[in-house]
């Protein structure tokens, strides 16, 4: 007997995906460093970085 198929999971939109990634990175970093998640999220969303002048290779 064949198991019932599950509907395909919806993919998050661009903004929701970016928010999920920011939350995930902040949470992981908070666990490793002991900093607060909300503080790290604000820092990531601000986009400021001490290495902002460096360009990544493409």
PDB file of N, CA and C in Angstrom:
ATOM      1  N   UNK A   1       0.833  -1.173   0.000  1.00  0.00           N
ATOM      2  CA  UNK A   1       0.000   0.000   0.000  1.00  0.00           C
ATOM      3  C   UNK A   1       0.882   1.242   0.000  1.00  0.00           C
ATOM      4  N   UNK A   2       0.536   2.197  -0.807  1.00  0.00           N
ATOM      5  CA  UNK A   2       1.336   3.407  -0.958  1.00  0.00           C
ATOM      6  C   UNK A   2       0.963   4.436   0.117  1.00  0.00           C
ATOM      7  N   UNK A   3       2.000   5.045   0.728  1.00  0.00           N
ATOM      8  CA  UNK A   3       1.765   6.066   1.750  1.00  0.00           C
ATOM      9  C   UNK A   3       1.228   7.333   1.079  1.00  0.00           C
ATOM     10  N   UNK A   4       0.335   8.056   1.769  1.00  0.00           N
ATOM     11  CA  UNK A   4      -0.193   9.290   1.173  1.00  0.00           C
ATOM     12  C   UNK A   4       0.922  10.317   0.997  1.00  0.00           C
ATOM     13  N   UNK A   5       0.882  10.998  -0.130  1.00  0.00           N
ATOM     14  CA  UNK A   5       1.936  11.990  -0.390  1.00  0.00           C
ATOM     15  C   UNK A   5       1.635  13.274   0.374  1.00  0.00           C
ATOM     16  N   UNK A   6       2.714  13.934   0.793  1.00  0.00           N
ATOM     17  CA  UNK A   6       2.569  15.184   1.518  1.00  0.00           C
ATOM     18  C   UNK A   6       2.699  16.331   0.534  1.00  0.00           C
ATOM     19  N   UNK A   7       1.971  17.400   0.760  1.00  0.00           N
ATOM     20  CA  UNK A   7       2.105  18.538  -0.153  1.00  0.00           C
ATOM     21  C   UNK A   7       3.505  19.145  -0.038  1.00  0.00           C
ATOM     22  N   UNK A   8       3.982  19.694  -1.133  1.00  0.00           N
ATOM     23  CA  UNK A   8       5.314  20.294  -1.152  1.00  0.00           C
ATOM     24  C   UNK A   8       5.364  21.477  -0.189  1.00  0.00           C
ATOM     25  N   UNK A   9       6.454  21.590   0.536  1.00  0.00           N
ATOM     26  CA  UNK A   9       6.622  22.700   1.477  1.00  0.00           C
ATOM     27  C   UNK A   9       6.826  23.992   0.697  1.00  0.00           C
ATOM     28  N   UNK A  10       6.198  25.057   1.186  1.00  0.00           N
ATOM     29  CA  UNK A  10       6.364  26.343   0.524  1.00  0.00           C
ATOM     30  C   UNK A  10       7.713  26.927   0.898  1.00  0.00           C
ATOM     31  N   UNK A  11       8.347  27.555  -0.057  1.00  0.00           N
ATOM     32  CA  UNK A  11       9.620  28.212   0.194  1.00  0.00           C
ATOM     33  C   UNK A  11       9.344  29.605   0.729  1.00  0.00           C
ATOM     34  N   UNK A  12      10.130  30.032   1.701  1.00  0.00           N
ATOM     35  CA  UNK A  12       9.923  31.386   2.227  1.00  0.00           C
ATOM     36  C   UNK A  12      10.295  32.431   1.190  1.00  0.00           C
ATOM     37  N   UNK A  13       9.637  33.590   1.288  1.00  0.00           N
ATOM     38  CA  UNK A  13       9.943  34.681   0.362  1.00  0.00           C
ATOM     39  C   UNK A  13      11.340  35.219   0.655  1.00  0.00           C
ATOM     40  N   UNK A  14      11.830  36.102  -0.183  1.00  0.00           N
ATOM     41  CA  UNK A  14      13.180  36.639  -0.031  1.00  0.00           C
ATOM     42  C   UNK A  14      13.428  37.282   1.318  1.00  0.00           C
ATOM     43  N   UNK A  15      12.491  38.136   1.758  1.00  0.00           N
ATOM     44  CA  UNK A  15      12.676  38.816   3.044  1.00  0.00           C
ATOM     45  C   UNK A  15      12.594  37.835   4.203  1.00  0.00           C
ATOM     46  N   UNK A  16      11.663  36.905   4.138  1.00  0.00           N
ATOM     47  CA  UNK A  16      11.526  35.937   5.223  1.00  0.00           C
ATOM     48  C   UNK A  16      12.723  35.005   5.268  1.00  0.00           C
ATOM     49  N   UNK A  17      13.267  34.656   4.120  1.00  0.00           N
ATOM     50  CA  UNK A  17      14.451  33.803   4.071  1.00  0.00           C
ATOM     51  C   UNK A  17      15.650  34.533   4.681  1.00  0.00           C
ATOM     52  N   UNK A  18      15.827  35.806   4.323  1.00  0.00           N
ATOM     53  CA  UNK A  18      16.935  36.584   4.876  1.00  0.00           C
ATOM     54  C   UNK A  18      16.784  36.728   6.389  1.00  0.00           C
ATOM     55  N   UNK A  19      15.557  36.957   6.866  1.00  0.00           N
ATOM     56  CA  UNK A  19      15.312  37.085   8.302  1.00  0.00           C
ATOM     57  C   UNK A  19      15.630  35.776   9.021  1.00  0.00           C
ATOM     58  N   UNK A  20      15.290  34.658   8.398  1.00  0.00           N
ATOM     59  CA  UNK A  20      15.579  33.356   8.996  1.00  0.00           C
ATOM     60  C   UNK A  20      17.081  33.104   9.060  1.00  0.00           C
ATOM     61  N   UNK A  21      17.797  33.504   8.034  1.00  0.00           N
ATOM     62  CA  UNK A  21      19.251  33.328   8.021  1.00  0.00           C
ATOM     63  C   UNK A  21      19.891  34.203   9.087  1.00  0.00           C
ATOM     64  N   UNK A  22      19.447  35.465   9.197  1.00  0.00           N
ATOM     65  CA  UNK A  22      19.987  36.369  10.217  1.00  0.00           C
ATOM     66  C   UNK A  22      19.735  35.793  11.602  1.00  0.00           C
ATOM     67  N   UNK A  23      18.528  35.299  11.837  1.00  0.00           N
ATOM     68  CA  UNK A  23      18.178  34.722  13.139  1.00  0.00           C
ATOM     69  C   UNK A  23      19.053  33.501  13.436  1.00  0.00           C
ATOM     70  N   UNK A  24      19.266  32.669  12.441  1.00  0.00           N
ATOM     71  CA  UNK A  24      20.069  31.468  12.613  1.00  0.00           C
ATOM     72  C   UNK A  24      21.523  31.798  12.932  1.00  0.00           C
ATOM     73  N   UNK A  25      22.094  32.751  12.189  1.00  0.00           N
ATOM     74  CA  UNK A  25      23.486  33.151  12.421  1.00  0.00           C
ATOM     75  C   UNK A  25      23.622  33.797  13.793  1.00  0.00           C
ATOM     76  N   UNK A  26      22.673  34.656  14.156  1.00  0.00           N
ATOM     77  CA  UNK A  26      22.719  35.324  15.463  1.00  0.00           C
ATOM     78  C   UNK A  26      22.610  34.309  16.596  1.00  0.00           C
ATOM     79  N   UNK A  27      21.722  33.351  16.426  1.00  0.00           N
ATOM     80  CA  UNK A  27      21.527  32.335  17.462  1.00  0.00           C
ATOM     81  C   UNK A  27      22.776  31.472  17.634  1.00  0.00           C
ATOM     82  N   UNK A  28      23.363  31.061  16.538  1.00  0.00           N
ATOM     83  CA  UNK A  28      24.567  30.246  16.583  1.00  0.00           C
ATOM     84  C   UNK A  28      25.728  31.018  17.219  1.00  0.00           C
ATOM     85  N   UNK A  29      25.880  32.277  16.810  1.00  0.00           N
ATOM     86  CA  UNK A  29      26.942  33.109  17.350  1.00  0.00           C
ATOM     87  C   UNK A  29      26.732  33.357  18.839  1.00  0.00           C
ATOM     88  N   UNK A  30      25.477  33.553  19.246  1.00  0.00           N
ATOM     89  CA  UNK A  30      25.171  33.787  20.656  1.00  0.00           C
ATOM     90  C   UNK A  30      25.547  32.580  21.507  1.00  0.00           C
ATOM     91  N   UNK A  31      25.302  31.405  21.006  1.00  0.00           N
ATOM     92  CA  UNK A  31      25.656  30.182  21.737  1.00  0.00           C
ATOM     93  C   UNK A  31      27.166  30.096  21.911  1.00  0.00           C
ATOM     94  N   UNK A  32      27.907  30.426  20.855  1.00  0.00           N
ATOM     95  CA  UNK A  32      29.361  30.317  20.902  1.00  0.00           C
ATOM     96  C   UNK A  32      30.029  31.415  21.722  1.00  0.00           C
ATOM     97  N   UNK A  33      29.438  32.627  21.709  1.00  0.00           N
ATOM     98  CA  UNK A  33      30.104  33.764  22.346  1.00  0.00           C
ATOM     99  C   UNK A  33      29.480  34.204  23.654  1.00  0.00           C
ATOM    100  N   UNK A  34      28.248  33.764  23.929  1.00  0.00           N
ATOM    101  CA  UNK A  34      27.567  34.177  25.152  1.00  0.00           C
ATOM    102  C   UNK A  34      26.910  35.541  25.043  1.00  0.00           C
ATOM    103  N   UNK A  35      26.874  36.122  23.847  1.00  0.00           N
ATOM    104  CA  UNK A  35      26.213  37.411  23.642  1.00  0.00           C
ATOM    105  C   UNK A  35      24.710  37.194  23.478  1.00  0.00           C
ATOM    106  N   UNK A  36      23.952  38.292  23.557  1.00  0.00           N
ATOM    107  CA  UNK A  36      22.499  38.209  23.405  1.00  0.00           C
ATOM    108  C   UNK A  36      22.123  38.123  21.924  1.00  0.00           C
ATOM    109  N   UNK A  37      21.125  37.306  21.619  1.00  0.00           N
ATOM    110  CA  UNK A  37      20.681  37.109  20.235  1.00  0.00           C
ATOM    111  C   UNK A  37      20.169  38.411  19.637  1.00  0.00           C
ATOM    112  N   UNK A  38      19.344  39.155  20.378  1.00  0.00           N
ATOM    113  CA  UNK A  38      18.768  40.380  19.825  1.00  0.00           C
ATOM    114  C   UNK A  38      19.837  41.421  19.494  1.00  0.00           C
ATOM    115  N   UNK A  39      20.882  41.481  20.296  1.00  0.00           N
ATOM    116  CA  UNK A  39      21.988  42.405  20.025  1.00  0.00           C
ATOM    117  C   UNK A  39      22.715  42.002  18.748  1.00  0.00           C
ATOM    118  N   UNK A  40      22.961  40.719  18.607  1.00  0.00           N
ATOM    119  CA  UNK A  40      23.643  40.230  17.404  1.00  0.00           C
ATOM    120  C   UNK A  40      22.775  40.433  16.160  1.00  0.00           C
ATOM    121  N   UNK A  41      21.467  40.219  16.280  1.00  0.00           N
ATOM    122  CA  UNK A  41      20.565  40.431  15.138  1.00  0.00           C
ATOM    123  C   UNK A  41      20.608  41.889  14.683  1.00  0.00           C
ATOM    124  N   UNK A  42      20.575  42.808  15.634  1.00  0.00           N
ATOM    125  CA  UNK A  42      20.638  44.232  15.281  1.00  0.00           C
ATOM    126  C   UNK A  42      21.944  44.546  14.549  1.00  0.00           C
ATOM    127  N   UNK A  43      23.034  43.984  15.029  1.00  0.00           N
ATOM    128  CA  UNK A  43      24.329  44.215  14.394  1.00  0.00           C
ATOM    129  C   UNK A  43      24.331  43.674  12.965  1.00  0.00           C
ATOM    130  N   UNK A  44      23.787  42.482  12.774  1.00  0.00           N
ATOM    131  CA  UNK A  44      23.748  41.890  11.427  1.00  0.00           C
ATOM    132  C   UNK A  44      22.842  42.686  10.492  1.00  0.00           C
ATOM    133  N   UNK A  45      21.703  43.148  10.992  1.00  0.00           N
ATOM    134  CA  UNK A  45      20.774  43.907  10.154  1.00  0.00           C
ATOM    135  C   UNK A  45      21.330  45.290   9.806  1.00  0.00           C
ATOM    136  N   UNK A  46      22.141  45.853  10.700  1.00  0.00           N
ATOM    137  CA  UNK A  46      22.709  47.185  10.457  1.00  0.00           C
ATOM    138  C   UNK A  46      23.667  47.155   9.269  1.00  0.00           C
ATOM    139  N   UNK A  47      24.253  45.996   9.033  1.00  0.00           N
ATOM    140  CA  UNK A  47      25.141  45.861   7.885  1.00  0.00           C
ATOM    141  C   UNK A  47      26.490  46.504   8.081  1.00  0.00           C
ATOM    142  N   UNK A  48      26.732  47.053   9.243  1.00  0.00           N
ATOM    143  CA  UNK A  48      28.028  47.665   9.472  1.00  0.00           C
ATOM    144  C   UNK A  48      29.042  46.591   9.845  1.00  0.00           C
ATOM    145  N   UNK A  49      30.203  46.746   9.320  1.00  0.00           N
ATOM    146  CA  UNK A  49      31.242  45.765   9.564  1.00  0.00           C
ATOM    147  C   UNK A  49      32.588  46.467   9.553  1.00  0.00           C
ATOM    148  N   UNK A  50      33.478  45.992  10.377  1.00  0.00           N
ATOM    149  CA  UNK A  50      34.799  46.601  10.358  1.00  0.00           C
ATOM    150  C   UNK A  50      35.555  46.239   9.084  1.00  0.00           C
ATOM    151  N   UNK A  51      35.016  45.306   8.301  1.00  0.00           N
ATOM    152  CA  UNK A  51      35.646  44.905   7.049  1.00  0.00           C
ATOM    153  C   UNK A  51      34.821  45.330   5.834  1.00  0.00           C
ATOM    154  N   UNK A  52      33.958  46.320   5.985  1.00  0.00           N
ATOM    155  CA  UNK A  52      33.069  46.716   4.900  1.00  0.00           C
ATOM    156  C   UNK A  52      33.816  47.239   3.671  1.00  0.00           C
ATOM    157  N   UNK A  53      35.027  47.730   3.872  1.00  0.00           N
ATOM    158  CA  UNK A  53      35.789  48.262   2.736  1.00  0.00           C
ATOM    159  C   UNK A  53      36.344  47.155   1.843  1.00  0.00           C
ATOM    160  N   UNK A  54      36.382  45.924   2.335  1.00  0.00           N
ATOM    161  CA  UNK A  54      36.919  44.809   1.552  1.00  0.00           C
ATOM    162  C   UNK A  54      35.867  44.266   0.600  1.00  0.00           C
ATOM    163  N   UNK A  55      36.259  43.933  -0.583  1.00  0.00           N
ATOM    164  CA  UNK A  55      35.346  43.377  -1.593  1.00  0.00           C
ATOM    165  C   UNK A  55      35.635  41.882  -1.727  1.00  0.00           C
ATOM    166  N   UNK A  56      34.596  41.095  -1.827  1.00  0.00           N
ATOM    167  CA  UNK A  56      34.741  39.663  -1.996  1.00  0.00           C
ATOM    168  C   UNK A  56      34.909  39.308  -3.470  1.00  0.00           C
ATOM    169  N   UNK A  57      35.652  38.268  -3.739  1.00  0.00           N
ATOM    170  CA  UNK A  57      35.835  37.811  -5.120  1.00  0.00           C
ATOM    171  C   UNK A  57      34.532  37.208  -5.623  1.00  0.00           C
ATOM    172  N   UNK A  58      34.274  37.380  -6.891  1.00  0.00           N
ATOM    173  CA  UNK A  58      33.051  36.810  -7.488  1.00  0.00           C
ATOM    174  C   UNK A  58      33.402  35.865  -8.587  1.00  0.00           C
TER     175      UNK A  58
END
